[in-house]
């Protein structure tokens, strides 16, 4: 979008800019205003790719990291979605809510969480200040699960990148491993079209 490109161009010129985080979630969490939820949020893939290609044109693709955020693990496909975003140009992906819910053994499964995170009444005690609720968390178990999540994601990313002849350190922006069956989107993202 024009807004993302404007922000990107300003950051690319700023010697103190550390990174640009591009959030593709649908306008925010449940705590956001309705206008934000209904009228905001952008497709993460197209915004990320456009920003990456703009940085390539400026010769600054290795100077300003792009961080993809917002719903990366929403449907339980953390590694596959992260790999695709990395190949589209992300230097990193943010998986905050997923990690909170998975480490604390949130109710529901990968696809259907209770999503009471913004209410202050989280039944697992993750996002609350209520002593009755937050005492339910076993911090040692949460720490163990956190390590397991990152180990598992690392293994899954290696399974995705190894057949392409890539390491997990190299694929930023290397979109030749991606294809899509939508011609218009393939053209927009500058990736292969698979009919």
C-alpha atoms as a PDB file:
ATOM      1  CA  UNK A   1       0.000   0.000   0.000  1.00  0.00           C
ATOM      2  CA  UNK A   2       1.036   3.625  -0.335  1.00  0.00           C
ATOM      3  CA  UNK A   3       1.171   3.980   3.442  1.00  0.00           C
ATOM      4  CA  UNK A   4       3.499   1.005   3.894  1.00  0.00           C
ATOM      5  CA  UNK A   5       5.772   2.271   1.128  1.00  0.00           C
ATOM      6  CA  UNK A   6       5.889   5.779   2.599  1.00  0.00           C
ATOM      7  CA  UNK A   7       6.828   4.431   6.020  1.00  0.00           C
ATOM      8  CA  UNK A   8       9.382   2.123   4.414  1.00  0.00           C
ATOM      9  CA  UNK A   9      11.009   4.915   2.409  1.00  0.00           C
ATOM     10  CA  UNK A  10      11.252   7.130   5.496  1.00  0.00           C
ATOM     11  CA  UNK A  11      12.789   4.301   7.516  1.00  0.00           C
ATOM     12  CA  UNK A  12      15.196   3.371   4.715  1.00  0.00           C
ATOM     13  CA  UNK A  13      16.587   6.919   4.823  1.00  0.00           C
ATOM     14  CA  UNK A  14      16.812   6.981   8.628  1.00  0.00           C
ATOM     15  CA  UNK A  15      20.223   5.753   9.818  1.00  0.00           C
ATOM     16  CA  UNK A  16      18.769   4.956  13.259  1.00  0.00           C
ATOM     17  CA  UNK A  17      15.907   2.749  12.047  1.00  0.00           C
ATOM     18  CA  UNK A  18      16.274  -0.770  13.419  1.00  0.00           C
ATOM     19  CA  UNK A  19      13.525  -2.559  11.453  1.00  0.00           C
ATOM     20  CA  UNK A  20      10.033  -2.291   9.973  1.00  0.00           C
ATOM     21  CA  UNK A  21       7.322  -4.506  11.429  1.00  0.00           C
ATOM     22  CA  UNK A  22       4.494  -5.235   9.008  1.00  0.00           C
ATOM     23  CA  UNK A  23       1.416  -6.535  10.816  1.00  0.00           C
ATOM     24  CA  UNK A  24      -1.119  -8.319   8.670  1.00  0.00           C
ATOM     25  CA  UNK A  25      -3.626  -9.172  11.401  1.00  0.00           C
ATOM     26  CA  UNK A  26      -7.149  -8.064  10.671  1.00  0.00           C
ATOM     27  CA  UNK A  27      -7.009  -4.636  12.261  1.00  0.00           C
ATOM     28  CA  UNK A  28      -5.926  -5.593  15.757  1.00  0.00           C
ATOM     29  CA  UNK A  29      -6.962  -7.710  18.690  1.00  0.00           C
ATOM     30  CA  UNK A  30     -10.379  -7.952  20.255  1.00  0.00           C
ATOM     31  CA  UNK A  31      -9.430  -4.978  22.408  1.00  0.00           C
ATOM     32  CA  UNK A  32      -9.237  -2.734  19.335  1.00  0.00           C
ATOM     33  CA  UNK A  33     -11.989  -0.329  18.320  1.00  0.00           C
ATOM     34  CA  UNK A  34     -14.570  -1.720  15.899  1.00  0.00           C
ATOM     35  CA  UNK A  35     -13.486   0.702  13.167  1.00  0.00           C
ATOM     36  CA  UNK A  36      -9.969  -0.707  13.435  1.00  0.00           C
ATOM     37  CA  UNK A  37     -11.157  -4.298  13.267  1.00  0.00           C
ATOM     38  CA  UNK A  38     -13.595  -3.660  10.412  1.00  0.00           C
ATOM     39  CA  UNK A  39     -11.645  -1.199   8.275  1.00  0.00           C
ATOM     40  CA  UNK A  40      -7.951  -1.945   8.786  1.00  0.00           C
ATOM     41  CA  UNK A  41      -5.465  -4.719   8.322  1.00  0.00           C
ATOM     42  CA  UNK A  42      -3.726  -5.515   5.075  1.00  0.00           C
ATOM     43  CA  UNK A  43      -2.719  -8.731   3.378  1.00  0.00           C
ATOM     44  CA  UNK A  44       0.652  -9.466   4.927  1.00  0.00           C
ATOM     45  CA  UNK A  45       2.121 -11.261   1.904  1.00  0.00           C
ATOM     46  CA  UNK A  46       1.570  -8.474  -0.610  1.00  0.00           C
ATOM     47  CA  UNK A  47       2.663  -5.664   1.718  1.00  0.00           C
ATOM     48  CA  UNK A  48       5.744  -7.574   2.805  1.00  0.00           C
ATOM     49  CA  UNK A  49       6.745  -8.460  -0.753  1.00  0.00           C
ATOM     50  CA  UNK A  50       6.208  -4.898  -2.022  1.00  0.00           C
ATOM     51  CA  UNK A  51       8.356  -3.504   0.785  1.00  0.00           C
ATOM     52  CA  UNK A  52      11.075  -6.094   0.176  1.00  0.00           C
ATOM     53  CA  UNK A  53      11.145  -5.408  -3.570  1.00  0.00           C
ATOM     54  CA  UNK A  54      11.311  -1.659  -2.883  1.00  0.00           C
ATOM     55  CA  UNK A  55      14.318  -2.254  -0.627  1.00  0.00           C
ATOM     56  CA  UNK A  56      15.927  -4.381  -3.357  1.00  0.00           C
ATOM     57  CA  UNK A  57      15.448  -1.524  -5.859  1.00  0.00           C
ATOM     58  CA  UNK A  58      17.120   0.835  -3.384  1.00  0.00           C
ATOM     59  CA  UNK A  59      19.925  -1.664  -2.715  1.00  0.00           C
ATOM     60  CA  UNK A  60      19.019  -1.725   0.982  1.00  0.00           C
ATOM     61  CA  UNK A  61      17.469  -5.181   1.377  1.00  0.00           C
ATOM     62  CA  UNK A  62      20.152  -6.181   3.880  1.00  0.00           C
ATOM     63  CA  UNK A  63      20.118  -2.896   5.785  1.00  0.00           C
ATOM     64  CA  UNK A  64      16.521  -2.646   7.036  1.00  0.00           C
ATOM     65  CA  UNK A  65      15.074  -5.920   8.353  1.00  0.00           C
ATOM     66  CA  UNK A  66      11.382  -6.558   7.704  1.00  0.00           C
ATOM     67  CA  UNK A  67       9.437  -8.315  10.454  1.00  0.00           C
ATOM     68  CA  UNK A  68       6.220 -10.096   9.467  1.00  0.00           C
ATOM     69  CA  UNK A  69       3.577 -10.237  12.185  1.00  0.00           C
ATOM     70  CA  UNK A  70      -0.088 -10.889  12.702  1.00  0.00           C
ATOM     71  CA  UNK A  71      -1.725 -14.267  12.412  1.00  0.00           C
ATOM     72  CA  UNK A  72       1.395 -16.115  11.227  1.00  0.00           C
ATOM     73  CA  UNK A  73       0.453 -19.244  13.202  1.00  0.00           C
ATOM     74  CA  UNK A  74      -3.282 -18.578  13.318  1.00  0.00           C
ATOM     75  CA  UNK A  75      -4.302 -21.742  11.449  1.00  0.00           C
ATOM     76  CA  UNK A  76      -1.681 -24.004  12.993  1.00  0.00           C
ATOM     77  CA  UNK A  77       0.732 -23.776  10.050  1.00  0.00           C
ATOM     78  CA  UNK A  78       3.516 -21.913  11.835  1.00  0.00           C
ATOM     79  CA  UNK A  79       6.527 -23.310   9.953  1.00  0.00           C
ATOM     80  CA  UNK A  80       4.937 -23.265   6.492  1.00  0.00           C
ATOM     81  CA  UNK A  81       3.630 -19.722   6.906  1.00  0.00           C
ATOM     82  CA  UNK A  82       6.908 -18.502   8.408  1.00  0.00           C
ATOM     83  CA  UNK A  83       8.885 -20.088   5.546  1.00  0.00           C
ATOM     84  CA  UNK A  84       6.671 -18.437   2.936  1.00  0.00           C
ATOM     85  CA  UNK A  85       6.982 -15.032   4.618  1.00  0.00           C
ATOM     86  CA  UNK A  86      10.762 -15.404   4.852  1.00  0.00           C
ATOM     87  CA  UNK A  87      10.958 -16.291   1.154  1.00  0.00           C
ATOM     88  CA  UNK A  88       8.831 -13.222   0.402  1.00  0.00           C
ATOM     89  CA  UNK A  89      11.354 -11.012   2.208  1.00  0.00           C
ATOM     90  CA  UNK A  90      10.842 -11.167   5.969  1.00  0.00           C
ATOM     91  CA  UNK A  91      13.997 -11.244   8.068  1.00  0.00           C
ATOM     92  CA  UNK A  92      11.921 -12.454  11.026  1.00  0.00           C
ATOM     93  CA  UNK A  93       8.379 -13.402  11.940  1.00  0.00           C
ATOM     94  CA  UNK A  94       6.533 -12.481  15.119  1.00  0.00           C
ATOM     95  CA  UNK A  95       4.396 -15.157  16.745  1.00  0.00           C
ATOM     96  CA  UNK A  96       3.490 -13.518  20.054  1.00  0.00           C
ATOM     97  CA  UNK A  97      -0.109 -14.555  20.641  1.00  0.00           C
ATOM     98  CA  UNK A  98       0.509 -18.066  19.332  1.00  0.00           C
ATOM     99  CA  UNK A  99       3.430 -18.514  21.726  1.00  0.00           C
ATOM    100  CA  UNK A 100       1.433 -17.195  24.686  1.00  0.00           C
ATOM    101  CA  UNK A 101      -1.444 -19.531  23.979  1.00  0.00           C
ATOM    102  CA  UNK A 102       0.635 -22.593  23.127  1.00  0.00           C
ATOM    103  CA  UNK A 103       3.028 -22.323  26.074  1.00  0.00           C
ATOM    104  CA  UNK A 104       0.261 -21.931  28.616  1.00  0.00           C
ATOM    105  CA  UNK A 105      -1.748 -24.776  27.094  1.00  0.00           C
ATOM    106  CA  UNK A 106      -4.618 -22.484  26.157  1.00  0.00           C
ATOM    107  CA  UNK A 107      -8.042 -24.058  25.805  1.00  0.00           C
ATOM    108  CA  UNK A 108      -8.966 -25.270  22.346  1.00  0.00           C
ATOM    109  CA  UNK A 109      -6.727 -26.552  19.596  1.00  0.00           C
ATOM    110  CA  UNK A 110      -4.412 -24.967  17.018  1.00  0.00           C
ATOM    111  CA  UNK A 111      -7.408 -23.736  15.052  1.00  0.00           C
ATOM    112  CA  UNK A 112      -9.871 -22.723  17.764  1.00  0.00           C
ATOM    113  CA  UNK A 113      -8.514 -20.998  20.853  1.00  0.00           C
ATOM    114  CA  UNK A 114     -10.799 -19.425  23.456  1.00  0.00           C
ATOM    115  CA  UNK A 115      -9.341 -15.976  22.556  1.00  0.00           C
ATOM    116  CA  UNK A 116     -10.182 -14.286  25.844  1.00  0.00           C
ATOM    117  CA  UNK A 117      -6.714 -12.707  25.829  1.00  0.00           C
ATOM    118  CA  UNK A 118      -7.996  -9.136  25.814  1.00  0.00           C
ATOM    119  CA  UNK A 119     -10.632  -9.526  28.541  1.00  0.00           C
ATOM    120  CA  UNK A 120      -8.388  -9.892  31.598  1.00  0.00           C
ATOM    121  CA  UNK A 121     -10.224 -13.153  32.373  1.00  0.00           C
ATOM    122  CA  UNK A 122      -7.951 -15.672  30.698  1.00  0.00           C
ATOM    123  CA  UNK A 123      -8.893 -19.055  32.224  1.00  0.00           C
ATOM    124  CA  UNK A 124      -5.276 -20.264  31.971  1.00  0.00           C
ATOM    125  CA  UNK A 125      -3.873 -17.144  33.658  1.00  0.00           C
ATOM    126  CA  UNK A 126      -1.805 -15.972  30.689  1.00  0.00           C
ATOM    127  CA  UNK A 127      -3.174 -12.456  30.184  1.00  0.00           C
ATOM    128  CA  UNK A 128      -4.655 -11.437  33.495  1.00  0.00           C
ATOM    129  CA  UNK A 129      -3.808  -9.582  36.672  1.00  0.00           C
ATOM    130  CA  UNK A 130      -6.304 -11.619  38.708  1.00  0.00           C
ATOM    131  CA  UNK A 131      -4.289 -13.579  41.318  1.00  0.00           C
ATOM    132  CA  UNK A 132      -6.809 -16.441  41.279  1.00  0.00           C
ATOM    133  CA  UNK A 133      -6.196 -16.868  37.567  1.00  0.00           C
ATOM    134  CA  UNK A 134      -2.482 -16.134  37.114  1.00  0.00           C
ATOM    135  CA  UNK A 135      -1.552 -18.533  39.911  1.00  0.00           C
ATOM    136  CA  UNK A 136      -2.769 -21.323  37.640  1.00  0.00           C
ATOM    137  CA  UNK A 137       0.289 -20.867  35.429  1.00  0.00           C
ATOM    138  CA  UNK A 138       3.223 -23.149  36.114  1.00  0.00           C
ATOM    139  CA  UNK A 139       6.143 -21.022  34.924  1.00  0.00           C
ATOM    140  CA  UNK A 140       8.520 -23.994  34.682  1.00  0.00           C
ATOM    141  CA  UNK A 141       6.137 -25.864  32.360  1.00  0.00           C
ATOM    142  CA  UNK A 142       5.580 -22.695  30.325  1.00  0.00           C
ATOM    143  CA  UNK A 143       9.353 -22.301  29.899  1.00  0.00           C
ATOM    144  CA  UNK A 144       9.705 -25.944  28.813  1.00  0.00           C
ATOM    145  CA  UNK A 145       6.898 -25.590  26.267  1.00  0.00           C
ATOM    146  CA  UNK A 146       8.450 -22.395  24.908  1.00  0.00           C
ATOM    147  CA  UNK A 147      11.740 -24.175  24.235  1.00  0.00           C
ATOM    148  CA  UNK A 148       9.864 -27.063  22.587  1.00  0.00           C
ATOM    149  CA  UNK A 149       7.910 -24.687  20.318  1.00  0.00           C
ATOM    150  CA  UNK A 150      11.086 -23.095  18.988  1.00  0.00           C
ATOM    151  CA  UNK A 151      12.873 -26.442  18.613  1.00  0.00           C
ATOM    152  CA  UNK A 152       9.917 -27.864  16.692  1.00  0.00           C
ATOM    153  CA  UNK A 153       9.633 -24.765  14.489  1.00  0.00           C
ATOM    154  CA  UNK A 154      13.363 -24.988  13.713  1.00  0.00           C
ATOM    155  CA  UNK A 155      13.065 -28.653  12.697  1.00  0.00           C
ATOM    156  CA  UNK A 156      10.012 -27.946  10.535  1.00  0.00           C
ATOM    157  CA  UNK A 157      11.707 -24.992   8.822  1.00  0.00           C
ATOM    158  CA  UNK A 158      14.716 -27.195   8.044  1.00  0.00           C
ATOM    159  CA  UNK A 159      12.367 -29.801   6.520  1.00  0.00           C
ATOM    160  CA  UNK A 160      10.937 -27.095   4.268  1.00  0.00           C
ATOM    161  CA  UNK A 161      14.208 -25.455   3.212  1.00  0.00           C
ATOM    162  CA  UNK A 162      16.512 -28.513   2.932  1.00  0.00           C
ATOM    163  CA  UNK A 163      14.830 -30.001  -0.185  1.00  0.00           C
ATOM    164  CA  UNK A 164      15.316 -26.597  -1.837  1.00  0.00           C
ATOM    165  CA  UNK A 165      19.021 -26.738  -1.066  1.00  0.00           C
ATOM    166  CA  UNK A 166      18.787 -23.870   1.397  1.00  0.00           C
ATOM    167  CA  UNK A 167      19.733 -23.436   5.017  1.00  0.00           C
ATOM    168  CA  UNK A 168      17.447 -21.647   7.443  1.00  0.00           C
ATOM    169  CA  UNK A 169      19.873 -18.713   7.369  1.00  0.00           C
ATOM    170  CA  UNK A 170      19.786 -18.038   3.630  1.00  0.00           C
ATOM    171  CA  UNK A 171      16.287 -17.885   2.138  1.00  0.00           C
ATOM    172  CA  UNK A 172      15.321 -14.249   2.846  1.00  0.00           C
ATOM    173  CA  UNK A 173      13.642 -12.977  -0.294  1.00  0.00           C
ATOM    174  CA  UNK A 174      14.439 -16.106  -2.322  1.00  0.00           C
ATOM    175  CA  UNK A 175      10.945 -16.551  -3.671  1.00  0.00           C
ATOM    176  CA  UNK A 176      11.853 -19.131  -6.325  1.00  0.00           C
ATOM    177  CA  UNK A 177      10.644 -21.803  -3.893  1.00  0.00           C
ATOM    178  CA  UNK A 178       7.121 -20.351  -3.913  1.00  0.00           C
ATOM    179  CA  UNK A 179       4.263 -20.632  -6.381  1.00  0.00           C
ATOM    180  CA  UNK A 180       0.571 -19.831  -6.324  1.00  0.00           C
ATOM    181  CA  UNK A 181      -2.416 -20.782  -8.469  1.00  0.00           C
ATOM    182  CA  UNK A 182      -3.725 -17.213  -8.729  1.00  0.00           C
ATOM    183  CA  UNK A 183      -2.196 -15.477 -11.781  1.00  0.00           C
ATOM    184  CA  UNK A 184      -2.908 -11.918 -10.565  1.00  0.00           C
ATOM    185  CA  UNK A 185      -1.414 -12.589  -7.134  1.00  0.00           C
ATOM    186  CA  UNK A 186       1.611 -14.341  -8.660  1.00  0.00           C
ATOM    187  CA  UNK A 187       2.246 -11.287 -10.834  1.00  0.00           C
ATOM    188  CA  UNK A 188       1.787  -8.922  -7.898  1.00  0.00           C
ATOM    189  CA  UNK A 189       4.142 -10.886  -5.634  1.00  0.00           C
ATOM    190  CA  UNK A 190       6.573 -11.618  -8.485  1.00  0.00           C
ATOM    191  CA  UNK A 191       6.530 -15.348  -7.785  1.00  0.00           C
ATOM    192  CA  UNK A 192       5.830 -18.400  -9.962  1.00  0.00           C
ATOM    193  CA  UNK A 193       2.341 -19.094 -11.249  1.00  0.00           C
ATOM    194  CA  UNK A 194       1.272 -22.738 -10.926  1.00  0.00           C
ATOM    195  CA  UNK A 195      -1.714 -23.601 -13.103  1.00  0.00           C
END
